[in-house]
Amino acid sequence: MRRPAIVLIAIAALTLGSALPSVVNLAVAAEPAAVASGGTWGTAQKVPGLAALGALSGEVTSVSCASAGNCAAGGDYGDGRYLRAFVINEVNGIWSNALRVPGIDVLSGGRGAGVVSVSCAGPGNCAAAGSYMTSRGGLQGFVVSEVNGSWRRALAVPGLAALSGGATAEVRSVSCGAPGSCGAGGYYMTGNRRHGFVVSEVNGSWQKALQVPGLAALDKAGIAETMSVSCSAAGSCAAGGNYYNDGIGSGAFVVSASNGLWRTALPVRFASKVGIAQIWSVSCRRPGYCAAGGHYYFDGLGRNQAFVVSQVNGAWRKALEVPGSAVLNTGGVAEVLSVSCGGPTSCAAGGYYEDSATRTHPFVVNRVNGTWRAALQVPGLPATDNGGGVKSISCGVPGNCAAAGNYTDAAGNSQGFVVNEVNGAWRKAIDVPGLRALNLAGHAGVVSVSCGAADNCAAGGYYTDQIYSQAFIVGER
């Protein structure tokens, strides 16, 4: 998994110079998969324009596509002193030059910053979020909106500094259900206690951040965080994360917003008692119809298993172990890292599992018309893979998705891969075209993938040249 922004900024300084939503539908009809032929991935390219910004290194951390050939991405780059936050747009299939997030230097006083999440509700109408360093040496969260193709000035998440008393706070995730209507979440600190927060954008204006309603009642030890947010329509979102119940262990929570109002957080329910649970990803395709995934510990030996949990007609069901994952997970370690829904009841999830030789491998699993099928190892990767995983998954429509991440080749190098689902069948994974030639030092991976339509996606991540990690972008048409 990608290191959190606080770690990345510290590394840069050292190494580079110092209740439930309203019911919308009583029933959802079966969702036939759209007929697709399968697109062709282009050649990976270094993010254009970063060199002109003075970048020595970089990474794409998030990609979001609103429609075919219309996407946005963001990340960070190192300039020899700090990490800097950047965004980049694709318009009609052409990537423009990256630009430093407007206004971020005013917020940070010229110190470090990075984008961790991007979401587009329509072409040229997106939001990005991340964190910046403060004069006190901590972090604060920021959001920045793109309106009709123009990125506005970044602003500190309203009310977040007041919640934290100026202490560290970070945004983990942002999602837009409609232009000018988004949600975001993360955590803030008070003393040595960590709290999960959410914040909403309404009619283009970001409101004040608030502690996740009801989370304090669950979080007895003061260790909580919102990890993922997904908005399917204006004012309709869901979020998930974790909390620590002192003396019992950590639990996973979900919380929903309807009509712009965040409801009370709910603990994720399991069929049997679990000690520790964590949500990494949430995805909603229609208000009241979402899915989430993560991991839970199923014994006292430190072994964990991947789970998924579904929201149907506004009600969160009990979580279930990813079907078929126990057969794969002979090493006792498995997690869902990413979930995406192409329709209200049709989704896909991906992550990794460990075999009996403690080698990790990527897997994918599908939910078809409300039923989760059996997980399968990503097809086509070499038997030598050790350390691989699906880091990101995206479904343009039901049955047509893309997943991406990294695997270890026979030489022990980390390589980036993409794999497509076409009409309900997962094809063989392929190396990101052109990435191996860029990856001179043998450390590359895809961090984020997004599909604006069937057969039309974009992905981004990192590779290592002879000295530094560099940011790349690639598209499928």
Protein backbone atom coordinates (compact mmCIF):
# COMPACT_ATOMS: atom_id res chain seq x y z
CA MET A 1 0.00 0.00 0.00
CA ARG A 2 1.11 3.52 -0.63
CA ARG A 3 2.75 5.29 2.28
CA PRO A 4 0.63 8.06 3.82
CA ALA A 5 1.35 11.66 2.92
CA ILE A 6 2.94 12.44 6.28
CA VAL A 7 5.58 9.78 5.65
CA LEU A 8 6.18 10.90 2.08
CA ILE A 9 6.67 14.52 3.09
CA ALA A 10 9.06 13.52 5.84
CA ILE A 11 11.02 11.35 3.41
CA ALA A 12 11.17 14.18 0.91
CA ALA A 13 12.53 16.56 3.54
CA LEU A 14 15.24 14.08 4.50
CA THR A 15 16.24 12.70 1.12
CA LEU A 16 15.66 15.65 -1.16
CA GLY A 17 17.18 18.38 0.94
CA SER A 18 16.07 18.47 4.31
CA ALA A 19 -29.27 6.95 10.60
CA LEU A 20 -29.63 5.75 6.84
CA PRO A 21 -30.08 7.59 3.56
CA SER A 22 -33.53 8.13 2.13
CA VAL A 23 -34.91 5.23 0.11
CA VAL A 24 -34.63 5.92 -3.60
CA ASN A 25 -35.75 2.66 -5.18
CA LEU A 26 -37.60 -0.22 -3.66
CA ALA A 27 -36.10 -2.64 -6.14
CA VAL A 28 -33.32 -2.71 -8.70
CA ALA A 29 -33.72 -4.74 -11.85
CA ALA A 30 -31.02 -7.14 -13.01
CA GLU A 31 -28.20 -5.28 -14.69
CA PRO A 32 -27.09 -6.78 -18.00
CA ALA A 33 -23.46 -6.06 -18.82
CA ALA A 34 -22.83 -3.68 -21.68
CA VAL A 35 -21.34 -5.32 -24.74
CA ALA A 36 -17.71 -4.29 -25.14
CA SER A 37 -14.87 -5.50 -27.31
CA GLY A 38 -12.00 -4.61 -25.01
CA GLY A 39 -9.83 -1.55 -25.48
CA THR A 40 -6.12 -1.23 -26.16
CA TRP A 41 -3.76 0.30 -23.62
CA GLY A 42 -1.43 2.95 -24.99
CA THR A 43 2.18 3.52 -24.02
CA ALA A 44 3.00 4.84 -20.57
CA GLN A 45 4.47 8.33 -20.55
CA LYS A 46 6.14 10.44 -17.93
CA VAL A 47 3.63 13.02 -16.71
CA PRO A 48 4.09 15.95 -19.11
CA GLY A 49 5.10 19.29 -17.69
CA LEU A 50 6.59 18.09 -14.40
CA ALA A 51 10.15 18.79 -15.52
CA ALA A 52 9.22 22.39 -16.26
CA LEU A 53 7.98 22.68 -12.67
CA GLY A 54 11.42 21.67 -11.41
CA ALA A 55 10.50 18.10 -10.52
CA LEU A 56 13.26 15.65 -9.70
CA SER A 57 10.81 12.90 -8.73
CA GLY A 58 7.09 12.27 -8.69
CA GLU A 59 4.11 9.96 -8.39
CA VAL A 60 0.53 9.91 -9.63
CA THR A 61 -1.61 9.05 -6.61
CA SER A 62 -5.14 9.33 -8.05
CA VAL A 63 -6.91 9.28 -11.43
CA SER A 64 -10.58 10.00 -12.18
CA CYS A 65 -12.35 9.87 -15.55
CA ALA A 66 -15.71 11.56 -16.05
CA SER A 67 -16.21 10.24 -19.57
CA ALA A 68 -14.22 8.65 -22.37
CA GLY A 69 -11.00 10.62 -22.84
CA ASN A 70 -11.85 13.23 -20.19
CA CYS A 71 -9.99 12.65 -16.95
CA ALA A 72 -7.97 14.34 -14.24
CA ALA A 73 -5.12 13.10 -12.10
CA GLY A 74 -3.05 14.36 -9.23
CA GLY A 75 -0.10 13.53 -7.09
CA ASP A 76 3.13 14.94 -5.80
CA TYR A 77 6.61 15.71 -7.06
CA GLY A 78 9.89 16.46 -5.32
CA ASP A 79 11.88 19.53 -6.26
CA GLY A 80 14.95 18.99 -4.10
CA ARG A 81 13.44 20.52 -0.99
CA TYR A 82 9.82 19.45 -0.51
CA LEU A 83 7.09 17.47 -2.14
CA ARG A 84 4.75 19.66 -4.22
CA ALA A 85 1.11 19.00 -5.13
CA PHE A 86 0.14 18.81 -8.81
CA VAL A 87 -2.93 18.19 -10.97
CA ILE A 88 -3.19 17.33 -14.65
CA ASN A 89 -6.11 17.08 -17.09
CA GLU A 90 -6.96 14.95 -20.08
CA VAL A 91 -9.33 16.58 -22.59
CA ASN A 92 -10.61 14.58 -25.57
CA GLY A 93 -7.82 12.05 -25.10
CA ILE A 94 -4.94 14.54 -24.81
CA TRP A 95 -3.08 15.11 -21.54
CA SER A 96 -2.14 18.73 -20.84
CA ASN A 97 0.93 19.77 -18.87
CA ALA A 98 0.84 19.28 -15.12
CA LEU A 99 0.44 22.34 -12.97
CA ARG A 100 1.18 22.97 -9.34
CA VAL A 101 -2.09 23.16 -7.42
CA PRO A 102 -3.08 26.85 -7.55
CA GLY A 103 -2.82 28.62 -4.21
CA ILE A 104 -1.18 25.73 -2.38
CA ASP A 105 1.99 27.73 -1.68
CA VAL A 106 -0.07 30.41 0.05
CA LEU A 107 -1.55 27.80 2.37
CA SER A 108 1.71 26.02 3.06
CA GLY A 109 4.03 29.02 3.11
CA GLY A 110 6.01 27.30 0.37
CA ARG A 111 6.39 24.08 2.31
CA GLY A 112 5.46 20.59 1.17
CA ALA A 113 2.09 19.34 -0.09
CA GLY A 114 0.59 16.44 -1.99
CA VAL A 115 -2.65 15.38 -3.70
CA VAL A 116 -3.98 12.04 -2.45
CA SER A 117 -7.39 11.87 -4.13
CA VAL A 118 -9.12 13.20 -7.28
CA SER A 119 -12.76 12.86 -8.39
CA CYS A 120 -14.56 14.13 -11.49
CA ALA A 121 -18.34 14.49 -11.73
CA GLY A 122 -18.19 15.70 -15.32
CA PRO A 123 -15.61 16.74 -17.91
CA GLY A 124 -13.74 19.73 -16.52
CA ASN A 125 -15.61 19.59 -13.20
CA CYS A 126 -13.51 17.81 -10.61
CA ALA A 127 -12.11 18.10 -7.12
CA ALA A 128 -8.78 17.14 -5.64
CA ALA A 129 -7.74 16.87 -2.02
CA GLY A 130 -4.66 16.26 0.04
CA SER A 131 -2.49 17.71 2.77
CA TYR A 132 0.08 20.46 3.19
CA MET A 133 2.74 21.21 5.78
CA THR A 134 2.09 23.98 8.27
CA SER A 135 4.50 26.35 9.96
CA ARG A 136 4.16 24.21 13.09
CA GLY A 137 5.57 21.23 11.23
CA GLY A 138 2.28 19.33 11.13
CA LEU A 139 -0.17 18.74 8.31
CA GLN A 140 -3.52 20.22 7.36
CA GLY A 141 -6.04 19.10 4.76
CA PHE A 142 -6.89 21.04 1.62
CA VAL A 143 -9.41 20.80 -1.20
CA VAL A 144 -9.29 22.36 -4.65
CA SER A 145 -12.08 22.46 -7.24
CA GLU A 146 -12.00 22.50 -11.02
CA VAL A 147 -14.91 24.40 -12.58
CA ASN A 148 -15.56 24.26 -16.32
CA GLY A 149 -11.99 23.22 -17.02
CA SER A 150 -10.27 25.73 -14.75
CA TRP A 151 -8.66 24.80 -11.43
CA ARG A 152 -9.54 27.29 -8.70
CA ARG A 153 -7.35 28.15 -5.74
CA ALA A 154 -6.81 25.54 -3.06
CA LEU A 155 -8.34 26.20 0.33
CA ALA A 156 -7.83 24.70 3.74
CA VAL A 157 -10.72 22.39 4.57
CA PRO A 158 -13.12 24.78 6.35
CA GLY A 159 -13.41 24.15 10.08
CA LEU A 160 -10.74 21.45 10.15
CA ALA A 161 -8.10 23.52 11.92
CA ALA A 162 -10.71 24.49 14.52
CA LEU A 163 -11.55 20.82 15.14
CA SER A 164 -7.90 19.93 15.55
CA GLY A 165 -6.82 23.06 17.39
CA GLY A 166 -4.21 23.55 14.69
CA ALA A 167 -2.76 20.07 15.16
CA THR A 168 -2.25 17.62 12.31
CA ALA A 169 -5.16 16.71 10.03
CA GLU A 170 -5.24 14.96 6.66
CA VAL A 171 -7.75 14.32 3.88
CA ARG A 172 -7.76 10.70 2.72
CA SER A 173 -10.48 10.69 0.06
CA VAL A 174 -12.69 12.96 -2.05
CA SER A 175 -15.66 12.07 -4.27
CA CYS A 176 -18.05 14.14 -6.39
CA GLY A 177 -21.63 13.10 -7.08
CA ALA A 178 -22.35 16.09 -9.33
CA PRO A 179 -20.48 19.22 -10.38
CA GLY A 180 -20.08 21.40 -7.30
CA SER A 181 -21.36 18.66 -4.99
CA CYS A 182 -18.67 16.52 -3.39
CA GLY A 183 -17.70 14.89 -0.13
CA ALA A 184 -14.36 14.26 1.52
CA GLY A 185 -13.03 12.65 4.67
CA GLY A 186 -9.95 11.86 6.69
CA TYR A 187 -8.77 12.41 10.23
CA TYR A 188 -7.68 15.13 12.65
CA MET A 189 -5.71 15.02 15.87
CA THR A 190 -6.49 16.46 19.31
CA GLY A 191 -3.56 15.72 21.58
CA ASN A 192 -2.75 12.06 21.04
CA ARG A 193 -6.28 11.19 19.93
CA ARG A 194 -7.28 10.70 16.29
CA HIS A 195 -10.82 11.38 15.02
CA GLY A 196 -12.56 10.71 11.71
CA PHE A 197 -14.16 13.63 9.88
CA VAL A 198 -16.31 14.28 6.82
CA VAL A 199 -16.91 17.49 4.89
CA SER A 200 -19.34 18.34 2.09
CA GLU A 201 -19.33 20.68 -0.87
CA VAL A 202 -22.78 22.15 -1.60
CA ASN A 203 -23.50 24.18 -4.74
CA GLY A 204 -19.80 24.77 -5.24
CA SER A 205 -19.10 25.88 -1.67
CA TRP A 206 -17.22 23.73 0.83
CA GLN A 207 -18.98 23.57 4.20
CA LYS A 208 -17.35 23.14 7.61
CA ALA A 209 -15.81 19.80 8.44
CA LEU A 210 -17.43 17.81 11.22
CA GLN A 211 -16.50 14.79 13.25
CA VAL A 212 -18.27 11.76 11.80
CA PRO A 213 -21.62 11.75 13.67
CA GLY A 214 -21.83 8.94 16.21
CA LEU A 215 -18.21 7.88 15.76
CA ALA A 216 -17.14 9.12 19.19
CA ALA A 217 -19.58 6.69 20.80
CA LEU A 218 -17.88 3.80 18.99
CA ASP A 219 -14.32 5.04 19.31
CA LYS A 220 -13.51 4.52 22.97
CA ALA A 221 -9.74 4.84 22.58
CA GLY A 222 -9.57 7.88 20.34
CA ILE A 223 -8.09 6.22 17.26
CA ALA A 224 -10.44 6.68 14.31
CA GLU A 225 -10.17 7.66 10.67
CA THR A 226 -12.31 8.04 7.56
CA MET A 227 -10.49 6.16 4.80
CA SER A 228 -12.80 6.36 1.79
CA VAL A 229 -15.72 8.47 0.54
CA SER A 230 -18.00 7.85 -2.45
CA CYS A 231 -20.80 10.13 -3.70
CA SER A 232 -23.29 8.91 -6.29
CA ALA A 233 -25.45 12.03 -6.57
CA ALA A 234 -25.64 15.55 -5.18
CA GLY A 235 -25.83 15.27 -1.39
CA SER A 236 -25.80 11.46 -1.41
CA CYS A 237 -22.58 9.83 -0.24
CA ALA A 238 -21.19 7.04 1.87
CA ALA A 239 -17.92 6.75 3.75
CA GLY A 240 -16.07 4.11 5.69
CA GLY A 241 -13.07 3.70 7.92
CA ASN A 242 -12.02 2.38 11.29
CA TYR A 243 -12.19 3.08 15.01
CA TYR A 244 -10.66 1.54 18.11
CA ASN A 245 -12.90 0.23 20.86
CA ASP A 246 -10.64 0.15 23.90
CA GLY A 247 -10.19 -3.32 25.33
CA ILE A 248 -11.96 -5.01 22.42
CA GLY A 249 -10.03 -4.08 19.28
CA SER A 250 -10.60 -1.98 16.21
CA GLY A 251 -13.79 -1.97 14.22
CA ALA A 252 -14.87 -0.85 10.78
CA PHE A 253 -17.61 1.74 10.36
CA VAL A 254 -19.82 3.04 7.58
CA VAL A 255 -21.71 6.31 7.44
CA SER A 256 -24.13 7.69 4.86
CA ALA A 257 -25.24 11.12 3.78
CA SER A 258 -28.60 11.89 2.18
CA ASN A 259 -29.90 15.26 1.12
CA GLY A 260 -26.56 16.67 2.22
CA LEU A 261 -26.94 15.50 5.83
CA TRP A 262 -24.46 13.03 7.32
CA ARG A 263 -26.23 10.39 9.40
CA THR A 264 -24.94 8.43 12.41
CA ALA A 265 -22.01 6.10 11.85
CA LEU A 266 -22.74 2.38 12.08
CA PRO A 267 -20.33 -0.41 13.00
CA VAL A 268 -19.87 -2.98 10.26
CA ARG A 269 -21.62 -6.15 11.39
CA PHE A 270 -20.03 -9.57 10.94
CA ALA A 271 -21.63 -13.00 11.20
CA SER A 272 -19.20 -13.86 14.03
CA LYS A 273 -17.20 -11.80 16.50
CA VAL A 274 -14.01 -10.27 15.10
CA GLY A 275 -11.29 -8.44 17.00
CA ILE A 276 -9.99 -6.06 14.37
CA ALA A 277 -11.54 -4.78 11.14
CA GLN A 278 -10.69 -2.04 8.65
CA ILE A 279 -12.40 -0.57 5.58
CA TRP A 280 -10.10 0.63 2.83
CA SER A 281 -12.54 1.46 0.03
CA VAL A 282 -16.18 2.44 -0.55
CA SER A 283 -18.05 2.78 -3.86
CA CYS A 284 -21.61 3.93 -4.60
CA ARG A 285 -23.30 3.89 -7.99
CA ARG A 286 -26.75 5.03 -6.86
CA PRO A 287 -27.99 6.56 -3.58
CA GLY A 288 -28.58 3.79 -1.08
CA TYR A 289 -26.64 1.20 -3.14
CA CYS A 290 -22.98 0.94 -2.21
CA ALA A 291 -20.24 -1.58 -1.47
CA ALA A 292 -17.16 -1.47 0.70
CA GLY A 293 -14.24 -3.72 1.44
CA GLY A 294 -11.25 -4.24 3.69
CA HIS A 295 -9.93 -6.87 6.05
CA TYR A 296 -10.61 -8.41 9.47
CA TYR A 297 -8.65 -10.60 11.87
CA PHE A 298 -10.29 -13.97 12.31
CA ASP A 299 -8.15 -15.53 15.06
CA GLY A 300 -5.68 -14.65 17.79
CA LEU A 301 -2.66 -15.55 15.66
CA GLY A 302 -2.58 -12.35 13.63
CA ARG A 303 -4.15 -13.90 10.56
CA ASN A 304 -6.59 -11.78 8.59
CA GLN A 305 -9.09 -12.22 5.78
CA ALA A 306 -10.63 -10.01 3.11
CA PHE A 307 -14.27 -8.93 3.42
CA VAL A 308 -16.92 -7.04 1.49
CA VAL A 309 -20.09 -5.40 2.74
CA SER A 310 -23.05 -4.13 0.69
CA GLN A 311 -25.65 -1.43 1.15
CA VAL A 312 -28.99 -2.28 -0.45
CA ASN A 313 -31.94 0.11 -0.55
CA GLY A 314 -30.30 2.22 2.14
CA ALA A 315 -29.54 -0.61 4.58
CA TRP A 316 -26.05 -1.96 5.21
CA ARG A 317 -26.01 -5.76 5.23
CA LYS A 318 -23.69 -7.97 7.27
CA ALA A 319 -20.14 -8.18 6.01
CA LEU A 320 -19.05 -11.43 4.44
CA GLU A 321 -15.71 -13.03 3.83
CA VAL A 322 -14.83 -12.63 0.16
CA PRO A 323 -16.17 -15.87 -1.38
CA GLY A 324 -13.39 -18.22 -2.43
CA SER A 325 -10.68 -16.17 -0.74
CA ALA A 326 -10.12 -18.71 2.04
CA VAL A 327 -9.02 -21.23 -0.61
CA LEU A 328 -6.50 -18.74 -1.98
CA ASN A 329 -5.43 -17.28 1.37
CA THR A 330 -3.45 -20.22 2.74
CA GLY A 331 -0.90 -17.87 4.29
CA GLY A 332 -3.42 -16.09 6.48
CA VAL A 333 -3.13 -12.57 5.06
CA ALA A 334 -5.66 -11.03 2.66
CA GLU A 335 -7.20 -7.61 2.11
CA VAL A 336 -9.57 -5.80 -0.22
CA LEU A 337 -7.84 -2.56 -1.18
CA SER A 338 -10.25 -1.18 -3.77
CA VAL A 339 -13.95 -1.46 -4.67
CA SER A 340 -15.83 -0.05 -7.66
CA CYS A 341 -19.48 -0.39 -8.66
CA GLY A 342 -20.51 -0.20 -12.31
CA GLY A 343 -24.18 -0.45 -11.37
CA PRO A 344 -26.28 -0.39 -8.18
CA THR A 345 -25.79 -4.10 -7.52
CA SER A 346 -22.88 -4.93 -9.82
CA CYS A 347 -19.40 -4.22 -8.48
CA ALA A 348 -15.85 -5.48 -8.47
CA ALA A 349 -13.17 -5.51 -5.81
CA GLY A 350 -9.50 -6.28 -5.73
CA GLY A 351 -6.63 -6.68 -3.34
CA TYR A 352 -4.09 -9.32 -2.41
CA TYR A 353 -3.73 -12.61 -0.56
CA GLU A 354 -0.82 -14.64 0.79
CA ASP A 355 -0.08 -18.22 -0.17
CA SER A 356 1.41 -20.95 2.06
CA ALA A 357 4.92 -19.81 1.08
CA THR A 358 4.09 -16.27 2.33
CA ARG A 359 4.14 -14.89 -1.21
CA THR A 360 1.45 -12.32 -1.95
CA HIS A 361 -0.62 -12.24 -5.14
CA PRO A 362 -3.35 -9.98 -6.55
CA PHE A 363 -6.97 -11.09 -6.74
CA VAL A 364 -10.26 -9.79 -8.15
CA VAL A 365 -13.84 -10.60 -7.19
CA ASN A 366 -17.17 -9.62 -8.79
CA ARG A 367 -20.62 -8.86 -7.49
CA VAL A 368 -23.19 -9.71 -10.17
CA ASN A 369 -26.81 -8.62 -9.69
CA GLY A 370 -26.31 -8.43 -5.94
CA THR A 371 -24.37 -11.66 -5.41
CA TRP A 372 -20.63 -11.78 -4.76
CA ARG A 373 -18.98 -14.51 -6.84
CA ALA A 374 -15.78 -16.41 -6.04
CA ALA A 375 -12.50 -14.54 -5.99
CA LEU A 376 -9.81 -15.47 -8.46
CA GLN A 377 -6.13 -14.79 -8.74
CA VAL A 378 -5.49 -12.18 -11.42
CA PRO A 379 -4.94 -14.23 -14.60
CA GLY A 380 -1.73 -14.07 -16.56
CA LEU A 381 0.82 -13.02 -13.93
CA PRO A 382 3.97 -15.14 -13.55
CA ALA A 383 4.28 -17.83 -10.91
CA THR A 384 7.32 -15.95 -9.57
CA ASP A 385 5.10 -13.10 -8.35
CA ASN A 386 5.72 -12.20 -4.73
CA GLY A 387 4.51 -8.91 -3.33
CA GLY A 388 1.84 -8.20 -5.91
CA GLY A 389 -1.60 -6.77 -5.37
CA VAL A 390 -4.50 -4.95 -6.98
CA LYS A 391 -4.15 -1.38 -5.75
CA SER A 392 -7.07 0.09 -7.71
CA ILE A 393 -10.14 -1.08 -9.61
CA SER A 394 -12.71 0.80 -11.68
CA CYS A 395 -15.88 -0.25 -13.48
CA GLY A 396 -17.21 1.87 -16.32
CA VAL A 397 -20.36 -0.25 -16.60
CA PRO A 398 -21.42 -3.63 -15.15
CA GLY A 399 -19.14 -6.42 -16.32
CA ASN A 400 -16.56 -4.10 -17.84
CA CYS A 401 -13.88 -3.03 -15.41
CA ALA A 402 -10.14 -2.52 -15.14
CA ALA A 403 -7.84 -3.40 -12.27
CA ALA A 404 -4.23 -2.43 -11.78
CA GLY A 405 -1.34 -2.70 -9.37
CA ASN A 406 2.08 -4.29 -9.26
CA TYR A 407 3.73 -7.71 -9.32
CA THR A 408 7.25 -9.10 -8.93
CA ASP A 409 8.91 -10.50 -12.05
CA ALA A 410 11.43 -13.35 -12.29
CA ALA A 411 14.32 -10.93 -11.73
CA GLY A 412 12.80 -9.71 -8.48
CA ASN A 413 11.76 -6.35 -9.90
CA SER A 414 8.41 -4.70 -9.22
CA GLN A 415 6.41 -4.04 -12.40
CA GLY A 416 3.09 -2.35 -13.06
CA PHE A 417 0.18 -4.29 -14.57
CA VAL A 418 -3.32 -3.69 -15.86
CA VAL A 419 -6.06 -6.27 -16.38
CA ASN A 420 -9.45 -5.82 -18.02
CA GLU A 421 -12.82 -7.42 -17.47
CA VAL A 422 -14.74 -7.58 -20.75
CA ASN A 423 -18.38 -8.64 -20.78
CA GLY A 424 -18.03 -10.34 -17.39
CA ALA A 425 -14.79 -12.22 -18.07
CA TRP A 426 -11.38 -11.18 -16.75
CA ARG A 427 -8.69 -11.26 -19.42
CA LYS A 428 -5.01 -11.92 -18.78
CA ALA A 429 -3.04 -9.19 -17.06
CA ILE A 430 -0.43 -7.33 -19.10
CA ASP A 431 2.51 -5.16 -18.24
CA VAL A 432 1.63 -1.49 -18.63
CA PRO A 433 2.91 -0.93 -22.18
CA GLY A 434 6.18 0.99 -22.22
CA LEU A 435 6.55 1.07 -18.44
CA ARG A 436 9.26 -1.58 -18.22
CA ALA A 437 11.47 0.50 -20.53
CA LEU A 438 11.09 3.49 -18.21
CA ASN A 439 11.54 1.43 -15.04
CA LEU A 440 15.33 1.28 -15.07
CA ALA A 441 15.78 0.60 -11.36
CA GLY A 442 13.10 -2.07 -11.17
CA HIS A 443 10.49 -0.44 -8.96
CA ALA A 444 7.19 0.45 -10.61
CA GLY A 445 3.48 0.14 -9.95
CA VAL A 446 0.04 1.44 -10.82
CA VAL A 447 -1.55 3.33 -7.93
CA SER A 448 -4.87 4.39 -9.49
CA VAL A 449 -7.08 3.45 -12.43
CA SER A 450 -10.37 4.98 -13.57
CA CYS A 451 -12.75 4.10 -16.41
CA GLY A 452 -14.93 6.77 -17.99
CA ALA A 453 -16.66 4.17 -20.17
CA ALA A 454 -16.33 0.55 -21.19
CA ASP A 455 -12.99 0.06 -22.98
CA ASN A 456 -11.88 3.58 -22.05
CA CYS A 457 -9.79 4.07 -18.93
CA ALA A 458 -6.72 5.85 -17.59
CA ALA A 459 -4.16 4.83 -15.01
CA GLY A 460 -1.20 6.35 -13.25
CA GLY A 461 1.49 5.57 -10.75
CA TYR A 462 5.26 5.54 -10.51
CA TYR A 463 8.42 4.04 -11.92
CA THR A 464 12.05 4.46 -10.90
CA ASP A 465 14.68 5.82 -13.23
CA GLN A 466 18.34 5.52 -12.34
CA ILE A 467 17.92 7.85 -9.35
CA TYR A 468 14.35 8.85 -8.48
CA SER A 469 10.76 7.67 -8.52
CA GLN A 470 8.89 9.29 -11.43
CA ALA A 471 5.20 9.81 -12.21
CA PHE A 472 3.55 8.23 -15.25
CA ILE A 473 0.17 8.25 -16.93
CA VAL A 474 -1.34 5.85 -19.48
CA GLY A 475 -4.67 5.54 -21.27
CA GLU A 476 -6.85 2.82 -22.77
CA ARG A 477 -8.90 3.42 -25.91
